[in-house]
Amino acid sequence: MAGKQENLLYWAWKDRMDNGMPRFCASYKMFFAHVYIQLQKMGRNWIAQKMQMQKQMEVQQGGSTHNAFVKN
């Protein structure tokens, strides 16, 4: 029974005349366009922060060749 209900809910927002493609009103399209831009910005910021953190880790861990235990 749950499968039939899920199928009915699926088709409730799909247009059968459009080969099952979703139909969205203008406000949803505007929302998705706004969210897409925001997600792109968030992705670019995340990548920049990740690269900055990686550089900091490299400097902290391996930036120096000094070894206190090696006798010269």
PDB file of N, CA and C in Angstrom:
ATOM      1  N   MET A   1       0.823  -1.201   0.000  1.00  0.00           N
ATOM      2  CA  MET A   1       0.000   0.000   0.000  1.00  0.00           C
ATOM      3  C   MET A   1       0.863   1.259   0.000  1.00  0.00           C
ATOM      4  N   ALA A   2       1.958   1.217   0.747  1.00  0.00           N
ATOM      5  CA  ALA A   2       2.824   2.400   0.809  1.00  0.00           C
ATOM      6  C   ALA A   2       3.412   2.714  -0.559  1.00  0.00           C
ATOM      7  N   GLY A   3       3.720   1.674  -1.341  1.00  0.00           N
ATOM      8  CA  GLY A   3       4.277   1.891  -2.668  1.00  0.00           C
ATOM      9  C   GLY A   3       3.318   2.630  -3.575  1.00  0.00           C
ATOM     10  N   LYS A   4       2.029   2.294  -3.501  1.00  0.00           N
ATOM     11  CA  LYS A   4       1.034   2.977  -4.324  1.00  0.00           C
ATOM     12  C   LYS A   4       0.882   4.431  -3.893  1.00  0.00           C
ATOM     13  N   GLN A   5       0.907   4.672  -2.589  1.00  0.00           N
ATOM     14  CA  GLN A   5       0.789   6.046  -2.100  1.00  0.00           C
ATOM     15  C   GLN A   5       1.991   6.874  -2.532  1.00  0.00           C
ATOM     16  N   GLU A   6       3.176   6.291  -2.459  1.00  0.00           N
ATOM     17  CA  GLU A   6       4.372   7.010  -2.890  1.00  0.00           C
ATOM     18  C   GLU A   6       4.282   7.333  -4.370  1.00  0.00           C
ATOM     19  N   ASN A   7       3.786   6.376  -5.166  1.00  0.00           N
ATOM     20  CA  ASN A   7       3.656   6.595  -6.596  1.00  0.00           C
ATOM     21  C   ASN A   7       2.655   7.712  -6.884  1.00  0.00           C
ATOM     22  N   LEU A   8       1.548   7.748  -6.134  1.00  0.00           N
ATOM     23  CA  LEU A   8       0.565   8.813  -6.318  1.00  0.00           C
ATOM     24  C   LEU A   8       1.152  10.162  -5.941  1.00  0.00           C
ATOM     25  N   LEU A   9       1.925  10.199  -4.864  1.00  0.00           N
ATOM     26  CA  LEU A   9       2.565  11.453  -4.470  1.00  0.00           C
ATOM     27  C   LEU A   9       3.586  11.890  -5.509  1.00  0.00           C
ATOM     28  N   TYR A  10       4.276  10.912  -6.094  1.00  0.00           N
ATOM     29  CA  TYR A  10       5.263  11.217  -7.124  1.00  0.00           C
ATOM     30  C   TYR A  10       4.590  11.894  -8.309  1.00  0.00           C
ATOM     31  N   TRP A  11       3.473  11.337  -8.746  1.00  0.00           N
ATOM     32  CA  TRP A  11       2.798  11.881  -9.919  1.00  0.00           C
ATOM     33  C   TRP A  11       1.991  13.122  -9.591  1.00  0.00           C
ATOM     34  N   ALA A  12       1.773  13.412  -8.317  1.00  0.00           N
ATOM     35  CA  ALA A  12       1.009  14.605  -7.958  1.00  0.00           C
ATOM     36  C   ALA A  12       1.745  15.873  -8.379  1.00  0.00           C
ATOM     37  N   TRP A  13       3.060  15.838  -8.411  1.00  0.00           N
ATOM     38  CA  TRP A  13       3.805  17.041  -8.791  1.00  0.00           C
ATOM     39  C   TRP A  13       4.515  16.896 -10.131  1.00  0.00           C
ATOM     40  N   LYS A  14       4.267  15.775 -10.834  1.00  0.00           N
ATOM     41  CA  LYS A  14       4.836  15.578 -12.162  1.00  0.00           C
ATOM     42  C   LYS A  14       3.746  15.779 -13.212  1.00  0.00           C
ATOM     43  N   ASP A  15       4.108  16.260 -14.366  1.00  0.00           N
ATOM     44  CA  ASP A  15       3.162  16.466 -15.449  1.00  0.00           C
ATOM     45  C   ASP A  15       3.275  15.297 -16.417  1.00  0.00           C
ATOM     46  N   ARG A  16       2.220  14.534 -16.551  1.00  0.00           N
ATOM     47  CA  ARG A  16       2.253  13.361 -17.435  1.00  0.00           C
ATOM     48  C   ARG A  16       2.384  13.770 -18.896  1.00  0.00           C
ATOM     49  N   MET A  17       1.911  14.930 -19.250  1.00  0.00           N
ATOM     50  CA  MET A  17       1.988  15.384 -20.640  1.00  0.00           C
ATOM     51  C   MET A  17       3.407  15.827 -21.009  1.00  0.00           C
ATOM     52  N   ASP A  18       4.229  16.085 -20.025  1.00  0.00           N
ATOM     53  CA  ASP A  18       5.619  16.499 -20.255  1.00  0.00           C
ATOM     54  C   ASP A  18       6.585  15.346 -20.034  1.00  0.00           C
ATOM     55  N   ASN A  19       6.164  14.131 -20.293  1.00  0.00           N
ATOM     56  CA  ASN A  19       6.999  12.934 -20.128  1.00  0.00           C
ATOM     57  C   ASN A  19       7.523  12.798 -18.707  1.00  0.00           C
ATOM     58  N   GLY A  20       6.731  13.193 -17.733  1.00  0.00           N
ATOM     59  CA  GLY A  20       7.124  13.023 -16.336  1.00  0.00           C
ATOM     60  C   GLY A  20       8.125  14.034 -15.829  1.00  0.00           C
ATOM     61  N   MET A  21       8.384  15.077 -16.599  1.00  0.00           N
ATOM     62  CA  MET A  21       9.314  16.109 -16.142  1.00  0.00           C
ATOM     63  C   MET A  21       8.630  16.956 -15.071  1.00  0.00           C
ATOM     64  N   PRO A  22       9.372  17.417 -14.074  1.00  0.00           N
ATOM     65  CA  PRO A  22       8.751  18.218 -13.019  1.00  0.00           C
ATOM     66  C   PRO A  22       8.324  19.587 -13.544  1.00  0.00           C
ATOM     67  N   ARG A  23       7.242  20.083 -12.989  1.00  0.00           N
ATOM     68  CA  ARG A  23       6.766  21.432 -13.313  1.00  0.00           C
ATOM     69  C   ARG A  23       6.925  22.291 -12.068  1.00  0.00           C
ATOM     70  N   PHE A  24       7.533  23.425 -12.224  1.00  0.00           N
ATOM     71  CA  PHE A  24       7.726  24.332 -11.104  1.00  0.00           C
ATOM     72  C   PHE A  24       7.153  25.692 -11.474  1.00  0.00           C
ATOM     73  N   CYS A  25       6.528  26.331 -10.512  1.00  0.00           N
ATOM     74  CA  CYS A  25       5.998  27.671 -10.749  1.00  0.00           C
ATOM     75  C   CYS A  25       7.161  28.665 -10.781  1.00  0.00           C
ATOM     76  N   ALA A  26       6.852  29.893 -11.163  1.00  0.00           N
ATOM     77  CA  ALA A  26       7.895  30.917 -11.310  1.00  0.00           C
ATOM     78  C   ALA A  26       8.625  31.185  -9.995  1.00  0.00           C
ATOM     79  N   SER A  27       7.900  31.142  -8.870  1.00  0.00           N
ATOM     80  CA  SER A  27       8.566  31.424  -7.589  1.00  0.00           C
ATOM     81  C   SER A  27       9.579  30.340  -7.239  1.00  0.00           C
ATOM     82  N   TYR A  28       9.273  29.078  -7.541  1.00  0.00           N
ATOM     83  CA  TYR A  28      10.250  28.014  -7.305  1.00  0.00           C
ATOM     84  C   TYR A  28      11.465  28.195  -8.204  1.00  0.00           C
ATOM     85  N   LYS A  29      11.236  28.550  -9.461  1.00  0.00           N
ATOM     86  CA  LYS A  29      12.357  28.760 -10.379  1.00  0.00           C
ATOM     87  C   LYS A  29      13.261  29.888  -9.879  1.00  0.00           C
ATOM     88  N   MET A  30      12.656  30.966  -9.375  1.00  0.00           N
ATOM     89  CA  MET A  30      13.450  32.068  -8.826  1.00  0.00           C
ATOM     90  C   MET A  30      14.222  31.612  -7.595  1.00  0.00           C
ATOM     91  N   PHE A  31      13.576  30.826  -6.743  1.00  0.00           N
ATOM     92  CA  PHE A  31      14.231  30.314  -5.543  1.00  0.00           C
ATOM     93  C   PHE A  31      15.425  29.442  -5.911  1.00  0.00           C
ATOM     94  N   PHE A  32      15.232  28.518  -6.865  1.00  0.00           N
ATOM     95  CA  PHE A  32      16.323  27.632  -7.268  1.00  0.00           C
ATOM     96  C   PHE A  32      17.473  28.419  -7.885  1.00  0.00           C
ATOM     97  N   ALA A  33      17.159  29.452  -8.664  1.00  0.00           N
ATOM     98  CA  ALA A  33      18.214  30.279  -9.251  1.00  0.00           C
ATOM     99  C   ALA A  33      19.006  30.983  -8.152  1.00  0.00           C
ATOM    100  N   HIS A  34      18.326  31.488  -7.138  1.00  0.00           N
ATOM    101  CA  HIS A  34      18.998  32.158  -6.018  1.00  0.00           C
ATOM    102  C   HIS A  34      19.857  31.173  -5.232  1.00  0.00           C
ATOM    103  N   VAL A  35      19.307  30.016  -4.936  1.00  0.00           N
ATOM    104  CA  VAL A  35      20.027  29.008  -4.155  1.00  0.00           C
ATOM    105  C   VAL A  35      21.256  28.527  -4.920  1.00  0.00           C
ATOM    106  N   TYR A  36      21.138  28.370  -6.237  1.00  0.00           N
ATOM    107  CA  TYR A  36      22.263  27.909  -7.046  1.00  0.00           C
ATOM    108  C   TYR A  36      23.443  28.869  -6.912  1.00  0.00           C
ATOM    109  N   ILE A  37      23.167  30.159  -6.992  1.00  0.00           N
ATOM    110  CA  ILE A  37      24.230  31.160  -6.862  1.00  0.00           C
ATOM    111  C   ILE A  37      24.848  31.095  -5.467  1.00  0.00           C
ATOM    112  N   GLN A  38      24.014  30.995  -4.448  1.00  0.00           N
ATOM    113  CA  GLN A  38      24.515  30.938  -3.072  1.00  0.00           C
ATOM    114  C   GLN A  38      25.350  29.681  -2.838  1.00  0.00           C
ATOM    115  N   LEU A  39      24.906  28.546  -3.380  1.00  0.00           N
ATOM    116  CA  LEU A  39      25.669  27.304  -3.208  1.00  0.00           C
ATOM    117  C   LEU A  39      27.008  27.376  -3.923  1.00  0.00           C
ATOM    118  N   GLN A  40      27.050  28.033  -5.074  1.00  0.00           N
ATOM    119  CA  GLN A  40      28.328  28.209  -5.761  1.00  0.00           C
ATOM    120  C   GLN A  40      29.287  29.040  -4.908  1.00  0.00           C
ATOM    121  N   LYS A  41      28.784  30.117  -4.313  1.00  0.00           N
ATOM    122  CA  LYS A  41      29.626  30.954  -3.449  1.00  0.00           C
ATOM    123  C   LYS A  41      30.124  30.159  -2.247  1.00  0.00           C
ATOM    124  N   MET A  42      29.230  29.398  -1.638  1.00  0.00           N
ATOM    125  CA  MET A  42      29.628  28.588  -0.491  1.00  0.00           C
ATOM    126  C   MET A  42      30.694  27.575  -0.889  1.00  0.00           C
ATOM    127  N   GLY A  43      30.550  26.973  -2.051  1.00  0.00           N
ATOM    128  CA  GLY A  43      31.529  26.004  -2.525  1.00  0.00           C
ATOM    129  C   GLY A  43      32.893  26.633  -2.754  1.00  0.00           C
ATOM    130  N   ARG A  44      32.906  27.810  -3.379  1.00  0.00           N
ATOM    131  CA  ARG A  44      34.184  28.503  -3.605  1.00  0.00           C
ATOM    132  C   ARG A  44      34.841  28.876  -2.278  1.00  0.00           C
ATOM    133  N   ASN A  45      34.048  29.366  -1.329  1.00  0.00           N
ATOM    134  CA  ASN A  45      34.598  29.715  -0.011  1.00  0.00           C
ATOM    135  C   ASN A  45      35.144  28.492   0.703  1.00  0.00           C
ATOM    136  N   TRP A  46      34.427  27.381   0.619  1.00  0.00           N
ATOM    137  CA  TRP A  46      34.860  26.148   1.276  1.00  0.00           C
ATOM    138  C   TRP A  46      36.179  25.665   0.686  1.00  0.00           C
ATOM    139  N   ILE A  47      36.300  25.710  -0.637  1.00  0.00           N
ATOM    140  CA  ILE A  47      37.542  25.278  -1.290  1.00  0.00           C
ATOM    141  C   ILE A  47      38.695  26.190  -0.885  1.00  0.00           C
ATOM    142  N   ALA A  48      38.454  27.506  -0.847  1.00  0.00           N
ATOM    143  CA  ALA A  48      39.508  28.448  -0.451  1.00  0.00           C
ATOM    144  C   ALA A  48      39.946  28.204   0.989  1.00  0.00           C
ATOM    145  N   GLN A  49      38.994  27.981   1.889  1.00  0.00           N
ATOM    146  CA  GLN A  49      39.337  27.709   3.286  1.00  0.00           C
ATOM    147  C   GLN A  49      40.101  26.397   3.413  1.00  0.00           C
ATOM    148  N   LYS A  50      39.689  25.397   2.659  1.00  0.00           N
ATOM    149  CA  LYS A  50      40.370  24.104   2.711  1.00  0.00           C
ATOM    150  C   LYS A  50      41.817  24.235   2.237  1.00  0.00           C
ATOM    151  N   MET A  51      42.037  24.987   1.166  1.00  0.00           N
ATOM    152  CA  MET A  51      43.397  25.182   0.666  1.00  0.00           C
ATOM    153  C   MET A  51      44.232  25.968   1.668  1.00  0.00           C
ATOM    154  N   GLN A  52      43.637  26.983   2.292  1.00  0.00           N
ATOM    155  CA  GLN A  52      44.359  27.777   3.288  1.00  0.00           C
ATOM    156  C   GLN A  52      44.736  26.921   4.490  1.00  0.00           C
ATOM    157  N   MET A  53      43.815  26.087   4.946  1.00  0.00           N
ATOM    158  CA  MET A  53      44.109  25.208   6.077  1.00  0.00           C
ATOM    159  C   MET A  53      45.197  24.204   5.718  1.00  0.00           C
ATOM    160  N   GLN A  54      45.173  23.708   4.486  1.00  0.00           N
ATOM    161  CA  GLN A  54      46.191  22.755   4.057  1.00  0.00           C
ATOM    162  C   GLN A  54      47.572  23.420   4.036  1.00  0.00           C
ATOM    163  N   LYS A  55      47.631  24.658   3.560  1.00  0.00           N
ATOM    164  CA  LYS A  55      48.905  25.385   3.557  1.00  0.00           C
ATOM    165  C   LYS A  55      49.412  25.607   4.977  1.00  0.00           C
ATOM    166  N   GLN A  56      48.509  25.964   5.897  1.00  0.00           N
ATOM    167  CA  GLN A  56      48.901  26.161   7.290  1.00  0.00           C
ATOM    168  C   GLN A  56      49.427  24.871   7.899  1.00  0.00           C
ATOM    169  N   MET A  57      48.780  23.751   7.586  1.00  0.00           N
ATOM    170  CA  MET A  57      49.232  22.457   8.112  1.00  0.00           C
ATOM    171  C   MET A  57      50.620  22.120   7.582  1.00  0.00           C
ATOM    172  N   GLU A  58      50.867  22.399   6.303  1.00  0.00           N
ATOM    173  CA  GLU A  58      52.178  22.114   5.721  1.00  0.00           C
ATOM    174  C   GLU A  58      53.258  22.959   6.390  1.00  0.00           C
ATOM    175  N   VAL A  59      52.962  24.215   6.647  1.00  0.00           N
ATOM    176  CA  VAL A  59      53.933  25.099   7.295  1.00  0.00           C
ATOM    177  C   VAL A  59      54.196  24.634   8.717  1.00  0.00           C
ATOM    178  N   GLN A  60      53.154  24.264   9.446  1.00  0.00           N
ATOM    179  CA  GLN A  60      53.310  23.846  10.835  1.00  0.00           C
ATOM    180  C   GLN A  60      54.032  22.510  10.943  1.00  0.00           C
ATOM    181  N   GLN A  61      53.756  21.584  10.041  1.00  0.00           N
ATOM    182  CA  GLN A  61      54.315  20.233  10.166  1.00  0.00           C
ATOM    183  C   GLN A  61      55.649  20.069   9.459  1.00  0.00           C
ATOM    184  N   GLY A  62      55.752  20.607   8.265  1.00  0.00           N
ATOM    185  CA  GLY A  62      56.965  20.321   7.511  1.00  0.00           C
ATOM    186  C   GLY A  62      57.644  21.536   6.948  1.00  0.00           C
ATOM    187  N   GLY A  63      57.350  22.681   7.472  1.00  0.00           N
ATOM    188  CA  GLY A  63      57.938  23.897   6.932  1.00  0.00           C
ATOM    189  C   GLY A  63      59.401  24.054   7.274  1.00  0.00           C
ATOM    190  N   SER A  64      59.866  23.380   8.290  1.00  0.00           N
ATOM    191  CA  SER A  64      61.235  23.528   8.759  1.00  0.00           C
ATOM    192  C   SER A  64      61.971  22.210   8.567  1.00  0.00           C
ATOM    193  N   THR A  65      63.258  22.300   8.227  1.00  0.00           N
ATOM    194  CA  THR A  65      64.066  21.088   8.085  1.00  0.00           C
ATOM    195  C   THR A  65      64.916  20.849   9.323  1.00  0.00           C
ATOM    196  N   HIS A  66      64.705  21.637  10.353  1.00  0.00           N
ATOM    197  CA  HIS A  66      65.478  21.512  11.584  1.00  0.00           C
ATOM    198  C   HIS A  66      65.105  20.225  12.309  1.00  0.00           C
ATOM    199  N   ASN A  67      66.117  19.484  12.714  1.00  0.00           N
ATOM    200  CA  ASN A  67      65.883  18.275  13.496  1.00  0.00           C
ATOM    201  C   ASN A  67      66.772  18.364  14.728  1.00  0.00           C
ATOM    202  N   ALA A  68      66.187  18.457  15.887  1.00  0.00           N
ATOM    203  CA  ALA A  68      66.929  18.658  17.132  1.00  0.00           C
ATOM    204  C   ALA A  68      67.747  17.439  17.524  1.00  0.00           C
ATOM    205  N   PHE A  69      67.438  16.278  16.979  1.00  0.00           N
ATOM    206  CA  PHE A  69      68.111  15.053  17.400  1.00  0.00           C
ATOM    207  C   PHE A  69      69.285  14.672  16.509  1.00  0.00           C
ATOM    208  N   VAL A  70      69.538  15.425  15.454  1.00  0.00           N
ATOM    209  CA  VAL A  70      70.647  15.118  14.561  1.00  0.00           C
ATOM    210  C   VAL A  70      71.873  15.885  15.039  1.00  0.00           C
ATOM    211  N   LYS A  71      73.007  15.150  15.230  1.00  0.00           N
ATOM    212  CA  LYS A  71      74.254  15.794  15.644  1.00  0.00           C
ATOM    213  C   LYS A  71      75.024  16.188  14.394  1.00  0.00           C
ATOM    214  N   ASN A  72      75.499  17.416  14.389  1.00  0.00           N
ATOM    215  CA  ASN A  72      76.305  17.896  13.264  1.00  0.00           C
ATOM    216  C   ASN A  72      77.758  17.821  13.575  1.00  0.00           C
TER     217      ASN A  72
END
